[in-house]
Amino acid sequence: MKPRYIRTAAIGRALRPNVWDVVALILVIGAMVLIVYGGEQTTAPLSELERTPVSLDPANLPLYALRTVLRMLLAIVCSTVFTFIYAAIAAKSRRAEMVMIPVLDILQSVPILGFLTFTVVFFMNLFPSQVLGAELASVFAIFTSQAWNMTFSMYQSMRNVPKDLEEATQSFHLSGWQRFWRLDVPFAMPGLIWNAMMSMSGGWFFVVASEAITVGNTTVTLPGIGSYVALGIQQQDLPAIFYAILAMLLVIIAYDQLLFRPIVAWADKFRFEQTASGEAPASWVLDLFRRTRALRALTLPFSAINRAISNLRVPLPELRPATKAKGRPSRLIDGVWIALILAGTAYAAWLSYRYLSASLGMPDVLIVIRDGLITLLRVAVLITLATLIWVPVGVWIGLRPKLAERIQPLAQFLAAFPANLAFPVFVVAIVSFRLNPNVWLSPLMILGTQWYILFNVIAGASAFPTDLREAASSLHLGGWRWWFKVIIPGIFPYYVTGAITASGGSWNASIVAEVASWGDTHLKATGLGAYIASATEAGDFPRVVLGIATMCILVTLFNRLVWRPLYAFGERRLRLG
């Protein structure tokens, strides 16, 4: 009986709460209270928005920040679910990939105003006379600024899983479901987390457009930091802009410490290498929860459920990896599939032509093509500059986990900095010095370009195997040889992912960068972004459709002719394992 008594006493001590349980419980309860309080605001009637309009009183900023963060967190959850489903199908099915990746190119090139134009009315009608409809429209708009780069990141990772790990899953006879949860997701996790951070920042970048929505005669202003910034710009209130920047900084530091840094530290175990990492990222929040007793015991049932789900041999059809197709594919089936794709594309083009030709002519088409080529030139120049600047910086940060911990919140803040907040400086400088808006408004677009490249390069350098770094050091590879023989091949797939999403981010940024306002002063540069912004504000749907279609075509062609061949080269020549 004595051993049993000792064992029972040991279990009791293990489950007895300690001081870390108290601290962790306070954090959990506080987060739940904030979520419930913010969620209650969405059940109010729509007339409440008119009765209590957005105010520039700084005392309202905590509530505005809470509402904005909840929208962004809900959007990031939806983006993660979308990423897991969409990227898995595209990476595993060759025929699905032929449709899904071009569609993803198109979706990431559609500007956020293009989504708002056609979704605001839908969500408002879905929940008439309720704030919830407007909230869902805002969340969907933020989702469209978050999901695409996460999906590209996971797709790239799943296409570049090392061959020896694939062979290991086959030798253990893992099903497609087990392989997905035990290999594909863990291998993709480091890059996916950094892209999730970039997605949160991307949501901040477009939060003004998603909370202060104007489409034709429909105007919806939701309480949040974005609408606060829009009102501050309209009233030329510099102190209000300063308060908004300060609130953004505090919120970003908070969710970096409470959410992203623990996830980065937790995901370090998924790095692909044969030797131990020299420096492991740390998180005080993760350490806090690891030291708890009662809370960790409460999570054991959830861990058991997770293991049970990941071990299920679900009788789903096995998706064939595109890079390892067994046998020659049926040319007949491929021919039929391609014919269906071409027929669907031709039918969509015909419907678009009928709709546009009813109110627009060839002069309108020539104008939008001219504007599109001008914006394309801006995008190409900015991506080149961002590559030259941020690839070396990203490698330097990514290879130093301790430094990455310090840089992480700063990088998120800079990536989240909305271009609208830079309008006062640019507008005043351009007007004062009589500068050309076509040239000097272009730097605003880099705020939506450079961070995709930086975050993906950091992710690639962070995931670079330590054993390969040690091998390069033992071979005395240094200088330019180290760059071109070691690190650039190692981060190349990540860079291409960042460059592709940077292209879409730049096109989206052109919507706000080519049209800048400060009070009654309005500046406009020639370009496709300004064309779409003007058409959206006027409620001119045919020109909105024409501008978005032109943007989609240009981005898709650029991706097909430039980035996709580089993607294929990385898979074929620079794959680990």
Protein backbone atom coordinates (compact mmCIF):
# COMPACT_ATOMS: atom_id res chain seq x y z
CA MET A 1 0.00 0.00 0.00
CA LYS A 2 2.87 2.37 0.69
CA PRO A 3 4.08 2.66 -2.93
CA ARG A 4 0.53 3.40 -4.05
CA TYR A 5 0.22 6.08 -1.36
CA ILE A 6 3.51 7.64 -2.45
CA ARG A 7 2.44 7.57 -6.09
CA THR A 8 -0.90 9.23 -5.24
CA ALA A 9 0.85 11.91 -3.20
CA ALA A 10 3.26 12.59 -6.06
CA ILE A 11 0.36 12.97 -8.49
CA GLY A 12 -1.36 15.33 -6.06
CA ARG A 13 1.76 17.49 -5.79
CA ALA A 14 2.08 17.52 -9.57
CA LEU A 15 -1.49 18.79 -9.93
CA ARG A 16 -1.27 21.32 -7.09
CA PRO A 17 -1.35 24.89 -8.50
CA ASN A 18 1.77 26.99 -8.12
CA VAL A 19 2.47 30.69 -8.49
CA TRP A 20 2.94 30.29 -12.26
CA ASP A 21 -0.58 28.87 -12.52
CA VAL A 22 -1.93 32.03 -10.89
CA VAL A 23 -0.10 34.34 -13.31
CA ALA A 24 -1.05 32.25 -16.35
CA LEU A 25 -4.68 32.08 -15.19
CA ILE A 26 -4.82 35.87 -14.91
CA LEU A 27 -3.53 36.17 -18.49
CA VAL A 28 -6.02 33.61 -19.82
CA ILE A 29 -9.01 35.11 -17.99
CA GLY A 30 -8.00 38.62 -19.05
CA ALA A 31 -7.81 37.56 -22.70
CA MET A 32 -11.20 35.85 -22.49
CA VAL A 33 -12.82 38.90 -20.90
CA LEU A 34 -11.47 41.18 -23.62
CA ILE A 35 -12.66 38.83 -26.37
CA VAL A 36 -16.15 38.56 -24.88
CA TYR A 37 -16.39 42.31 -24.30
CA GLY A 38 -15.28 43.09 -27.84
CA GLY A 39 -17.57 40.43 -29.27
CA GLU A 40 -20.59 41.94 -27.52
CA GLN A 41 -20.10 45.17 -29.49
CA THR A 42 -20.82 43.35 -32.76
CA THR A 43 -24.37 42.47 -31.71
CA ALA A 44 -25.47 46.10 -31.54
CA PRO A 45 -27.90 47.53 -34.14
CA LEU A 46 -26.39 49.35 -37.11
CA SER A 47 -27.95 52.62 -35.94
CA GLU A 48 -25.50 52.50 -33.01
CA LEU A 49 -22.68 53.44 -35.40
CA GLU A 50 -24.51 56.66 -36.32
CA ARG A 51 -25.45 57.42 -32.71
CA THR A 52 -21.87 57.09 -31.44
CA PRO A 53 -19.58 58.10 -34.34
CA VAL A 54 -15.82 57.70 -34.21
CA SER A 55 -14.19 60.33 -32.02
CA LEU A 56 -10.59 61.56 -31.93
CA ASP A 57 -10.60 61.53 -28.12
CA PRO A 58 -7.50 59.47 -27.13
CA ALA A 59 -9.52 57.91 -24.30
CA ASN A 60 -11.40 55.88 -26.93
CA LEU A 61 -8.24 54.37 -28.41
CA PRO A 62 -8.05 51.32 -26.06
CA LEU A 63 -11.55 50.21 -27.15
CA TYR A 64 -10.78 50.99 -30.79
CA ALA A 65 -7.55 49.00 -30.57
CA LEU A 66 -9.41 46.05 -29.05
CA ARG A 67 -12.01 46.06 -31.83
CA THR A 68 -9.31 46.22 -34.52
CA VAL A 69 -7.21 43.44 -32.99
CA LEU A 70 -10.21 41.13 -32.65
CA ARG A 71 -11.04 41.62 -36.33
CA MET A 72 -7.45 40.86 -37.28
CA LEU A 73 -7.24 37.77 -35.05
CA LEU A 74 -10.47 36.37 -36.49
CA ALA A 75 -9.14 37.04 -39.99
CA ILE A 76 -5.82 35.30 -39.21
CA VAL A 77 -7.69 32.21 -37.94
CA CYS A 78 -9.74 32.08 -41.14
CA SER A 79 -6.54 32.60 -43.16
CA THR A 80 -4.86 29.67 -41.40
CA VAL A 81 -7.77 27.31 -42.11
CA PHE A 82 -7.85 28.48 -45.73
CA THR A 83 -4.07 28.00 -46.02
CA PHE A 84 -4.10 24.42 -44.74
CA ILE A 85 -6.85 23.35 -47.14
CA TYR A 86 -5.89 25.32 -50.25
CA ALA A 87 -2.12 24.82 -50.08
CA ALA A 88 -2.42 21.08 -49.38
CA ILE A 89 -4.64 20.46 -52.39
CA ALA A 90 -2.54 22.66 -54.70
CA ALA A 91 0.74 21.05 -53.61
CA LYS A 92 -0.48 17.46 -53.82
CA SER A 93 -2.69 17.42 -56.91
CA ARG A 94 -1.06 18.25 -60.22
CA ARG A 95 -4.35 18.92 -62.01
CA ALA A 96 -5.75 21.01 -59.17
CA GLU A 97 -2.49 22.97 -59.12
CA MET A 98 -3.03 23.98 -62.77
CA VAL A 99 -6.12 25.92 -61.69
CA MET A 100 -5.54 26.83 -58.06
CA ILE A 101 -2.15 28.53 -58.33
CA PRO A 102 -3.18 30.87 -61.20
CA VAL A 103 -6.35 31.62 -59.22
CA LEU A 104 -4.19 32.42 -56.19
CA ASP A 105 -2.09 34.75 -58.37
CA ILE A 106 -5.28 36.52 -59.38
CA LEU A 107 -6.67 36.70 -55.84
CA GLN A 108 -3.52 38.24 -54.40
CA SER A 109 -3.46 40.81 -57.19
CA VAL A 110 -7.07 41.92 -56.64
CA PRO A 111 -6.87 45.11 -54.54
CA ILE A 112 -8.66 45.23 -51.22
CA LEU A 113 -10.96 47.94 -52.58
CA GLY A 114 -11.96 45.52 -55.31
CA PHE A 115 -13.11 42.99 -52.70
CA LEU A 116 -14.87 45.69 -50.68
CA THR A 117 -16.73 46.92 -53.75
CA PHE A 118 -18.53 43.60 -54.17
CA THR A 119 -18.68 42.24 -50.60
CA VAL A 120 -19.88 45.15 -48.45
CA VAL A 121 -23.41 45.01 -49.83
CA PHE A 122 -23.45 41.18 -49.56
CA PHE A 123 -22.51 41.10 -45.88
CA MET A 124 -24.76 44.05 -45.04
CA ASN A 125 -27.71 42.22 -46.61
CA LEU A 126 -26.72 39.01 -44.83
CA PHE A 127 -27.26 40.70 -41.45
CA PRO A 128 -29.48 43.68 -42.18
CA SER A 129 -29.56 46.54 -39.67
CA GLN A 130 -26.83 44.89 -37.57
CA VAL A 131 -23.25 45.85 -36.90
CA LEU A 132 -22.31 42.19 -37.44
CA GLY A 133 -22.76 42.54 -41.20
CA ALA A 134 -20.33 45.46 -41.37
CA GLU A 135 -17.93 43.64 -39.04
CA LEU A 136 -17.89 40.57 -41.30
CA ALA A 137 -17.24 42.77 -44.33
CA SER A 138 -14.27 44.31 -42.50
CA VAL A 139 -12.96 40.90 -41.39
CA PHE A 140 -13.24 39.58 -44.94
CA ALA A 141 -11.33 42.60 -46.26
CA ILE A 142 -8.55 41.98 -43.70
CA PHE A 143 -8.60 38.27 -44.62
CA THR A 144 -7.87 39.19 -48.24
CA SER A 145 -4.74 41.03 -47.10
CA GLN A 146 -3.53 38.07 -44.99
CA ALA A 147 -4.35 34.75 -46.62
CA TRP A 148 -2.46 34.75 -49.90
CA ASN A 149 1.15 35.01 -48.69
CA MET A 150 0.48 32.37 -46.00
CA THR A 151 -0.92 30.03 -48.66
CA PHE A 152 2.05 30.62 -50.97
CA SER A 153 4.44 29.95 -48.06
CA MET A 154 2.87 26.60 -47.15
CA TYR A 155 2.57 25.59 -50.79
CA GLN A 156 6.26 26.32 -51.33
CA SER A 157 7.26 24.39 -48.19
CA MET A 158 5.18 21.34 -49.11
CA ARG A 159 6.68 21.29 -52.60
CA ASN A 160 10.20 21.39 -51.13
CA VAL A 161 9.98 18.72 -48.42
CA PRO A 162 13.34 16.86 -48.39
CA LYS A 163 13.25 13.56 -50.24
CA ASP A 164 14.69 11.56 -47.35
CA LEU A 165 11.82 12.67 -45.12
CA GLU A 166 9.32 11.65 -47.82
CA GLU A 167 10.98 8.24 -48.02
CA ALA A 168 10.77 7.93 -44.22
CA THR A 169 7.00 8.48 -44.28
CA GLN A 170 6.67 5.82 -46.97
CA SER A 171 8.75 3.33 -45.00
CA PHE A 172 6.50 3.89 -41.96
CA HIS A 173 3.42 3.43 -44.20
CA LEU A 174 1.85 6.71 -43.13
CA SER A 175 -1.45 7.60 -44.73
CA GLY A 176 -1.96 10.88 -46.55
CA TRP A 177 -3.66 12.34 -43.46
CA GLN A 178 -0.82 11.23 -41.15
CA ARG A 179 1.85 12.49 -43.54
CA PHE A 180 0.14 15.89 -43.67
CA TRP A 181 0.12 16.36 -39.88
CA ARG A 182 3.44 14.65 -39.13
CA LEU A 183 5.59 15.93 -42.00
CA ASP A 184 4.04 18.61 -44.19
CA VAL A 185 2.70 20.87 -41.43
CA PRO A 186 5.79 20.66 -39.16
CA PHE A 187 8.16 21.27 -42.08
CA ALA A 188 6.13 24.27 -43.24
CA MET A 189 5.67 25.70 -39.74
CA PRO A 190 8.75 28.05 -39.48
CA GLY A 191 7.99 29.81 -42.76
CA LEU A 192 4.26 29.81 -42.10
CA ILE A 193 4.69 31.52 -38.72
CA TRP A 194 6.81 34.33 -40.13
CA ASN A 195 4.28 34.80 -42.92
CA ALA A 196 1.49 34.88 -40.34
CA MET A 197 3.35 37.73 -38.64
CA MET A 198 3.63 39.44 -42.01
CA SER A 199 -0.08 38.86 -42.54
CA MET A 200 -0.96 40.54 -39.26
CA SER A 201 1.17 43.48 -40.34
CA GLY A 202 -0.47 43.43 -43.76
CA GLY A 203 -3.82 43.67 -42.03
CA TRP A 204 -2.65 46.82 -40.24
CA PHE A 205 -1.47 48.25 -43.55
CA PHE A 206 -5.01 48.09 -44.98
CA VAL A 207 -6.93 48.57 -41.75
CA VAL A 208 -7.91 52.11 -42.78
CA ALA A 209 -9.64 50.85 -45.92
CA SER A 210 -11.28 47.95 -44.06
CA GLU A 211 -12.78 50.06 -41.25
CA ALA A 212 -13.60 53.30 -43.06
CA ILE A 213 -15.39 51.89 -46.11
CA THR A 214 -16.75 54.09 -48.90
CA VAL A 215 -18.19 52.42 -51.99
CA GLY A 216 -20.39 54.70 -54.07
CA ASN A 217 -23.23 55.91 -51.86
CA THR A 218 -22.54 53.29 -49.17
CA THR A 219 -20.43 54.55 -46.26
CA VAL A 220 -19.67 52.39 -43.22
CA THR A 221 -17.34 53.52 -40.43
CA LEU A 222 -16.55 50.94 -37.76
CA PRO A 223 -14.88 51.88 -34.45
CA GLY A 224 -11.21 51.02 -34.71
CA ILE A 225 -7.74 52.42 -35.15
CA GLY A 226 -8.18 52.45 -38.93
CA SER A 227 -11.26 54.67 -38.83
CA TYR A 228 -9.54 56.80 -36.15
CA VAL A 229 -6.62 57.35 -38.55
CA ALA A 230 -8.97 58.14 -41.45
CA LEU A 231 -10.76 60.78 -39.37
CA GLY A 232 -7.45 62.25 -38.17
CA ILE A 233 -6.22 62.59 -41.76
CA GLN A 234 -9.49 64.17 -42.82
CA GLN A 235 -9.32 66.74 -40.01
CA GLN A 236 -5.53 67.25 -40.29
CA ASP A 237 -5.12 66.40 -36.60
CA LEU A 238 -1.43 65.61 -36.10
CA PRO A 239 -1.75 64.80 -32.35
CA ALA A 240 -4.44 62.23 -33.20
CA ILE A 241 -2.11 60.64 -35.78
CA PHE A 242 0.62 60.48 -33.10
CA TYR A 243 -1.77 58.83 -30.62
CA ALA A 244 -2.78 56.28 -33.28
CA ILE A 245 0.85 55.41 -34.00
CA LEU A 246 1.54 55.02 -30.27
CA ALA A 247 -1.51 52.77 -29.84
CA MET A 248 -0.41 50.63 -32.80
CA LEU A 249 3.08 50.26 -31.33
CA LEU A 250 1.75 49.16 -27.93
CA VAL A 251 -0.71 46.70 -29.46
CA ILE A 252 1.95 45.18 -31.74
CA ILE A 253 4.35 44.76 -28.82
CA ALA A 254 1.56 43.13 -26.80
CA TYR A 255 0.56 40.52 -29.37
CA ASP A 256 4.20 39.93 -30.31
CA GLN A 257 5.01 39.05 -26.69
CA LEU A 258 1.79 37.16 -25.96
CA LEU A 259 1.23 35.37 -29.27
CA PHE A 260 3.94 35.33 -31.90
CA ARG A 261 7.09 35.04 -29.80
CA PRO A 262 5.76 31.98 -27.93
CA ILE A 263 4.78 30.40 -31.27
CA VAL A 264 8.22 31.10 -32.78
CA ALA A 265 9.94 29.57 -29.75
CA TRP A 266 7.61 26.55 -29.82
CA ALA A 267 8.09 26.00 -33.56
CA ASP A 268 11.90 25.93 -33.30
CA LYS A 269 11.62 22.17 -32.70
CA PHE A 270 10.39 21.75 -36.29
CA ARG A 271 13.61 22.97 -37.90
CA PHE A 272 15.07 20.46 -40.35
CA GLU A 273 18.63 19.68 -39.26
CA GLN A 274 20.76 16.86 -37.95
CA THR A 275 22.59 18.87 -35.29
CA ALA A 276 21.25 20.94 -32.44
CA SER A 277 20.52 24.61 -33.06
CA GLY A 278 23.21 26.89 -31.67
CA GLU A 279 20.76 29.43 -30.25
CA ALA A 280 17.15 28.56 -29.61
CA PRO A 281 14.58 31.38 -29.54
CA ALA A 282 13.02 31.97 -26.13
CA SER A 283 9.72 33.32 -24.85
CA TRP A 284 8.83 34.27 -21.29
CA VAL A 285 5.16 33.47 -21.95
CA LEU A 286 6.00 29.96 -23.19
CA ASP A 287 8.33 29.43 -20.22
CA LEU A 288 5.54 30.64 -17.91
CA PHE A 289 3.02 28.11 -19.20
CA ARG A 290 5.62 25.33 -19.17
CA ARG A 291 6.19 25.97 -15.44
CA THR A 292 2.52 25.70 -14.56
CA ARG A 293 1.10 22.53 -13.01
CA ALA A 294 -2.69 22.67 -12.95
CA LEU A 295 -3.05 24.42 -16.32
CA ARG A 296 -0.74 21.93 -18.02
CA ALA A 297 -2.74 19.09 -16.49
CA LEU A 298 -5.94 20.63 -17.90
CA THR A 299 -4.44 20.61 -21.41
CA LEU A 300 -3.66 16.87 -21.34
CA PRO A 301 -7.10 15.86 -22.72
CA PHE A 302 -6.66 18.28 -25.61
CA SER A 303 -3.19 16.85 -26.33
CA ALA A 304 -4.65 13.35 -26.33
CA ILE A 305 -7.40 14.44 -28.75
CA ASN A 306 -4.79 16.07 -31.01
CA ARG A 307 -2.69 12.90 -31.07
CA ALA A 308 -5.75 10.80 -31.79
CA ILE A 309 -6.80 13.03 -34.69
CA SER A 310 -3.30 13.14 -36.20
CA ASN A 311 -3.04 9.34 -35.98
CA LEU A 312 -6.33 8.70 -37.77
CA ARG A 313 -6.02 6.68 -40.93
CA VAL A 314 -8.80 8.62 -42.62
CA PRO A 315 -10.03 6.83 -45.77
CA LEU A 316 -9.61 9.88 -47.97
CA PRO A 317 -8.42 9.64 -51.57
CA GLU A 318 -4.63 9.86 -51.63
CA LEU A 319 -3.53 13.01 -53.40
CA ARG A 320 -0.60 12.39 -55.70
CA PRO A 321 2.38 14.71 -55.19
CA ALA A 322 3.02 16.77 -58.29
CA THR A 323 6.77 16.24 -58.01
CA LYS A 324 6.56 12.47 -57.61
CA ALA A 325 3.75 11.28 -59.88
CA LYS A 326 3.81 7.52 -60.33
CA GLY A 327 3.71 6.57 -63.98
CA ARG A 328 2.87 8.76 -66.94
CA PRO A 329 -0.34 10.73 -66.44
CA SER A 330 -3.18 10.02 -68.78
CA ARG A 331 -2.84 12.37 -71.72
CA LEU A 332 -6.52 12.02 -72.49
CA ILE A 333 -7.58 13.10 -68.99
CA ASP A 334 -5.03 15.92 -69.07
CA GLY A 335 -6.32 17.07 -72.42
CA VAL A 336 -9.93 17.07 -71.23
CA TRP A 337 -8.96 18.90 -68.04
CA ILE A 338 -7.00 21.59 -69.92
CA ALA A 339 -9.87 21.96 -72.37
CA LEU A 340 -12.30 22.53 -69.49
CA ILE A 341 -9.98 25.14 -67.99
CA LEU A 342 -9.66 26.97 -71.31
CA ALA A 343 -13.42 26.80 -71.87
CA GLY A 344 -14.14 28.21 -68.43
CA THR A 345 -11.58 30.98 -68.96
CA ALA A 346 -13.02 31.84 -72.37
CA TYR A 347 -16.56 31.95 -70.97
CA ALA A 348 -15.51 34.27 -68.11
CA ALA A 349 -13.68 36.50 -70.60
CA TRP A 350 -16.79 36.63 -72.80
CA LEU A 351 -19.03 37.60 -69.87
CA SER A 352 -16.56 40.32 -68.86
CA TYR A 353 -16.41 41.62 -72.43
CA ARG A 354 -20.21 41.80 -72.71
CA TYR A 355 -20.47 43.64 -69.40
CA LEU A 356 -17.67 46.14 -70.14
CA SER A 357 -18.48 46.77 -73.80
CA ALA A 358 -21.95 47.98 -72.84
CA SER A 359 -20.54 51.18 -71.29
CA LEU A 360 -16.81 51.35 -72.17
CA GLY A 361 -14.88 51.58 -75.42
CA MET A 362 -11.40 51.04 -76.76
CA PRO A 363 -10.09 54.46 -75.50
CA ASP A 364 -10.93 53.34 -71.94
CA VAL A 365 -9.03 50.08 -72.48
CA LEU A 366 -5.97 51.92 -73.82
CA ILE A 367 -6.01 54.28 -70.83
CA VAL A 368 -6.16 51.46 -68.30
CA ILE A 369 -3.38 49.52 -70.09
CA ARG A 370 -1.17 52.63 -70.04
CA ASP A 371 -1.84 53.12 -66.32
CA GLY A 372 -1.20 49.45 -65.66
CA LEU A 373 2.20 49.49 -67.37
CA ILE A 374 3.20 52.59 -65.39
CA THR A 375 2.30 50.86 -62.11
CA LEU A 376 4.09 47.70 -63.27
CA LEU A 377 7.26 49.72 -63.78
CA ARG A 378 6.96 51.12 -60.26
CA VAL A 379 6.43 47.64 -58.83
CA ALA A 380 9.46 46.17 -60.65
CA VAL A 381 11.74 48.99 -59.51
CA LEU A 382 10.58 48.76 -55.89
CA ILE A 383 10.96 44.96 -55.75
CA THR A 384 14.50 45.29 -57.10
CA LEU A 385 15.38 47.90 -54.48
CA ALA A 386 13.76 45.87 -51.70
CA THR A 387 15.70 42.77 -52.77
CA LEU A 388 19.05 44.56 -52.74
CA ILE A 389 18.38 46.05 -49.30
CA TRP A 390 16.47 43.42 -47.34
CA VAL A 391 17.96 40.10 -48.48
CA PRO A 392 21.31 40.77 -46.73
CA VAL A 393 19.52 42.24 -43.72
CA GLY A 394 17.10 39.31 -43.52
CA VAL A 395 19.94 36.76 -43.68
CA TRP A 396 21.84 38.61 -40.98
CA ILE A 397 18.79 38.65 -38.69
CA GLY A 398 17.59 35.11 -39.46
CA LEU A 399 20.94 33.48 -38.64
CA ARG A 400 20.91 35.12 -35.18
CA PRO A 401 17.84 33.97 -33.19
CA LYS A 402 18.57 36.27 -30.24
CA LEU A 403 18.79 39.25 -32.56
CA ALA A 404 15.61 38.13 -34.32
CA GLU A 405 13.80 38.22 -30.97
CA ARG A 406 14.74 41.89 -30.53
CA ILE A 407 14.07 42.87 -34.14
CA GLN A 408 10.78 40.96 -34.41
CA PRO A 409 8.43 43.56 -32.80
CA LEU A 410 10.19 46.45 -34.57
CA ALA A 411 9.88 44.71 -37.95
CA GLN A 412 6.21 43.98 -37.29
CA PHE A 413 5.59 47.62 -36.38
CA LEU A 414 7.31 48.93 -39.49
CA ALA A 415 5.48 46.40 -41.66
CA ALA A 416 2.19 47.40 -40.04
CA PHE A 417 2.76 51.12 -40.54
CA PRO A 418 -0.09 52.24 -42.84
CA ALA A 419 0.92 54.35 -45.81
CA ASN A 420 -1.86 56.76 -44.86
CA LEU A 421 0.14 57.87 -41.80
CA ALA A 422 2.98 58.98 -44.08
CA PHE A 423 0.64 61.15 -46.18
CA PRO A 424 1.21 64.37 -44.18
CA VAL A 425 4.98 64.29 -44.73
CA PHE A 426 4.79 63.34 -48.42
CA VAL A 427 1.91 65.67 -49.31
CA VAL A 428 3.43 68.68 -47.55
CA ALA A 429 6.89 67.98 -49.04
CA ILE A 430 5.56 67.49 -52.58
CA VAL A 431 3.47 70.66 -52.42
CA SER A 432 6.15 72.77 -50.73
CA PHE A 433 8.93 71.78 -53.11
CA ARG A 434 6.66 71.42 -56.17
CA LEU A 435 7.77 67.85 -56.77
CA ASN A 436 6.31 65.46 -59.34
CA PRO A 437 3.69 63.20 -57.66
CA ASN A 438 4.31 60.49 -60.28
CA VAL A 439 7.81 60.06 -58.88
CA TRP A 440 7.61 61.05 -55.24
CA LEU A 441 4.42 59.22 -54.32
CA SER A 442 6.02 55.96 -55.49
CA PRO A 443 8.05 55.41 -52.27
CA LEU A 444 4.73 54.95 -50.43
CA MET A 445 4.32 51.68 -52.34
CA ILE A 446 7.47 50.22 -50.82
CA LEU A 447 5.71 50.14 -47.47
CA GLY A 448 3.64 47.31 -48.92
CA THR A 449 6.53 45.65 -50.76
CA GLN A 450 9.71 45.29 -48.75
CA TRP A 451 8.34 43.47 -45.71
CA TYR A 452 7.18 40.38 -47.58
CA ILE A 453 10.74 39.87 -48.80
CA LEU A 454 12.31 40.63 -45.41
CA PHE A 455 10.03 38.30 -43.41
CA ASN A 456 10.40 35.41 -45.86
CA VAL A 457 14.19 35.78 -45.99
CA ILE A 458 14.28 35.81 -42.18
CA ALA A 459 12.15 32.66 -42.18
CA GLY A 460 14.46 30.98 -44.70
CA ALA A 461 17.62 31.92 -42.83
CA SER A 462 16.07 30.84 -39.49
CA ALA A 463 15.17 27.44 -40.97
CA PHE A 464 18.58 26.98 -42.63
CA PRO A 465 20.10 23.79 -41.16
CA THR A 466 22.88 24.33 -38.65
CA ASP A 467 24.80 21.31 -39.96
CA LEU A 468 25.04 22.90 -43.42
CA ARG A 469 26.35 26.12 -41.87
CA GLU A 470 28.97 24.11 -39.98
CA ALA A 471 29.91 22.25 -43.17
CA ALA A 472 30.41 25.54 -45.01
CA SER A 473 32.54 26.81 -42.15
CA SER A 474 34.70 23.67 -42.14
CA LEU A 475 35.25 24.09 -45.90
CA HIS A 476 36.29 27.73 -45.27
CA LEU A 477 33.63 29.13 -47.58
CA GLY A 478 33.41 32.86 -47.08
CA GLY A 479 32.66 36.13 -48.81
CA TRP A 480 30.86 35.97 -52.12
CA ARG A 481 31.37 32.19 -52.37
CA TRP A 482 29.42 31.72 -49.13
CA TRP A 483 26.58 33.90 -50.44
CA PHE A 484 26.28 32.23 -53.84
CA LYS A 485 27.16 28.64 -52.86
CA VAL A 486 25.51 28.37 -49.42
CA ILE A 487 22.97 30.87 -48.19
CA ILE A 488 21.29 32.10 -51.39
CA PRO A 489 20.50 28.52 -52.53
CA GLY A 490 19.25 27.80 -49.00
CA ILE A 491 16.85 30.74 -48.81
CA PHE A 492 15.96 30.92 -52.51
CA PRO A 493 12.50 29.23 -52.29
CA TYR A 494 11.60 31.52 -49.39
CA TYR A 495 12.77 34.58 -51.29
CA VAL A 496 10.69 33.66 -54.34
CA THR A 497 7.64 33.25 -52.11
CA GLY A 498 8.31 36.67 -50.61
CA ALA A 499 8.86 38.25 -54.01
CA ILE A 500 5.61 36.83 -55.40
CA THR A 501 3.60 38.13 -52.45
CA ALA A 502 5.56 41.39 -52.56
CA SER A 503 4.32 41.86 -56.10
CA GLY A 504 0.72 41.48 -54.96
CA GLY A 505 1.38 43.69 -51.94
CA SER A 506 2.80 46.41 -54.17
CA TRP A 507 -0.19 46.36 -56.49
CA ASN A 508 -2.47 46.61 -53.45
CA ALA A 509 -0.39 49.41 -51.99
CA SER A 510 -0.73 51.34 -55.25
CA ILE A 511 -4.41 51.88 -54.41
CA VAL A 512 -3.48 54.08 -51.44
CA ALA A 513 -0.01 55.20 -52.59
CA GLU A 514 -1.01 56.73 -55.93
CA VAL A 515 -3.78 58.82 -54.34
CA ALA A 516 -2.70 60.76 -51.24
CA SER A 517 -4.73 63.26 -49.24
CA TRP A 518 -4.08 65.52 -46.29
CA GLY A 519 -7.07 67.65 -45.36
CA ASP A 520 -8.24 69.50 -48.47
CA THR A 521 -5.00 68.78 -50.37
CA HIS A 522 -5.29 65.87 -52.78
CA LEU A 523 -2.44 64.47 -54.88
CA LYS A 524 -2.80 61.88 -57.60
CA ALA A 525 -0.19 59.99 -59.59
CA THR A 526 -0.83 58.36 -62.94
CA GLY A 527 -1.26 54.63 -62.46
CA LEU A 528 -3.65 51.72 -62.19
CA GLY A 529 -4.01 52.09 -58.43
CA ALA A 530 -5.23 55.68 -58.79
CA TYR A 531 -7.56 54.59 -61.60
CA ILE A 532 -9.22 51.92 -59.43
CA ALA A 533 -9.37 54.16 -56.35
CA SER A 534 -11.09 56.94 -58.29
CA ALA A 535 -13.56 54.53 -59.93
CA THR A 536 -14.36 52.91 -56.56
CA GLU A 537 -14.98 56.25 -54.87
CA ALA A 538 -17.29 57.27 -57.74
CA GLY A 539 -19.11 53.92 -57.66
CA ASP A 540 -18.26 53.37 -61.35
CA PHE A 541 -18.46 49.56 -61.36
CA PRO A 542 -17.58 48.99 -65.05
CA ARG A 543 -14.30 50.89 -64.63
CA VAL A 544 -13.64 49.13 -61.32
CA VAL A 545 -14.05 45.77 -63.08
CA LEU A 546 -11.85 46.89 -65.99
CA GLY A 547 -9.11 48.14 -63.66
CA ILE A 548 -9.16 45.00 -61.50
CA ALA A 549 -9.18 42.72 -64.54
CA THR A 550 -6.20 44.56 -66.03
CA MET A 551 -4.34 44.33 -62.73
CA CYS A 552 -5.04 40.60 -62.47
CA ILE A 553 -3.82 39.98 -66.02
CA LEU A 554 -0.60 41.95 -65.54
CA VAL A 555 0.22 40.29 -62.20
CA THR A 556 -0.58 36.81 -63.52
CA LEU A 557 1.58 37.29 -66.62
CA PHE A 558 4.47 38.64 -64.54
CA ASN A 559 4.23 35.70 -62.14
CA ARG A 560 3.98 33.19 -64.97
CA LEU A 561 6.91 34.61 -66.95
CA VAL A 562 9.26 35.51 -64.08
CA TRP A 563 8.48 34.02 -60.68
CA ARG A 564 7.11 30.61 -61.65
CA PRO A 565 10.22 29.63 -63.65
CA LEU A 566 12.30 30.68 -60.62
CA TYR A 567 10.01 28.58 -58.40
CA ALA A 568 10.57 25.56 -60.65
CA PHE A 569 14.32 26.16 -60.67
CA GLY A 570 14.36 26.23 -56.85
CA GLU A 571 12.41 22.98 -56.62
CA ARG A 572 14.60 21.26 -59.20
CA ARG A 573 18.08 22.47 -58.27
CA LEU A 574 18.00 23.92 -54.75
CA ARG A 575 15.91 21.43 -52.80
CA LEU A 576 17.29 20.13 -49.49
CA GLY A 577 17.62 16.39 -49.14
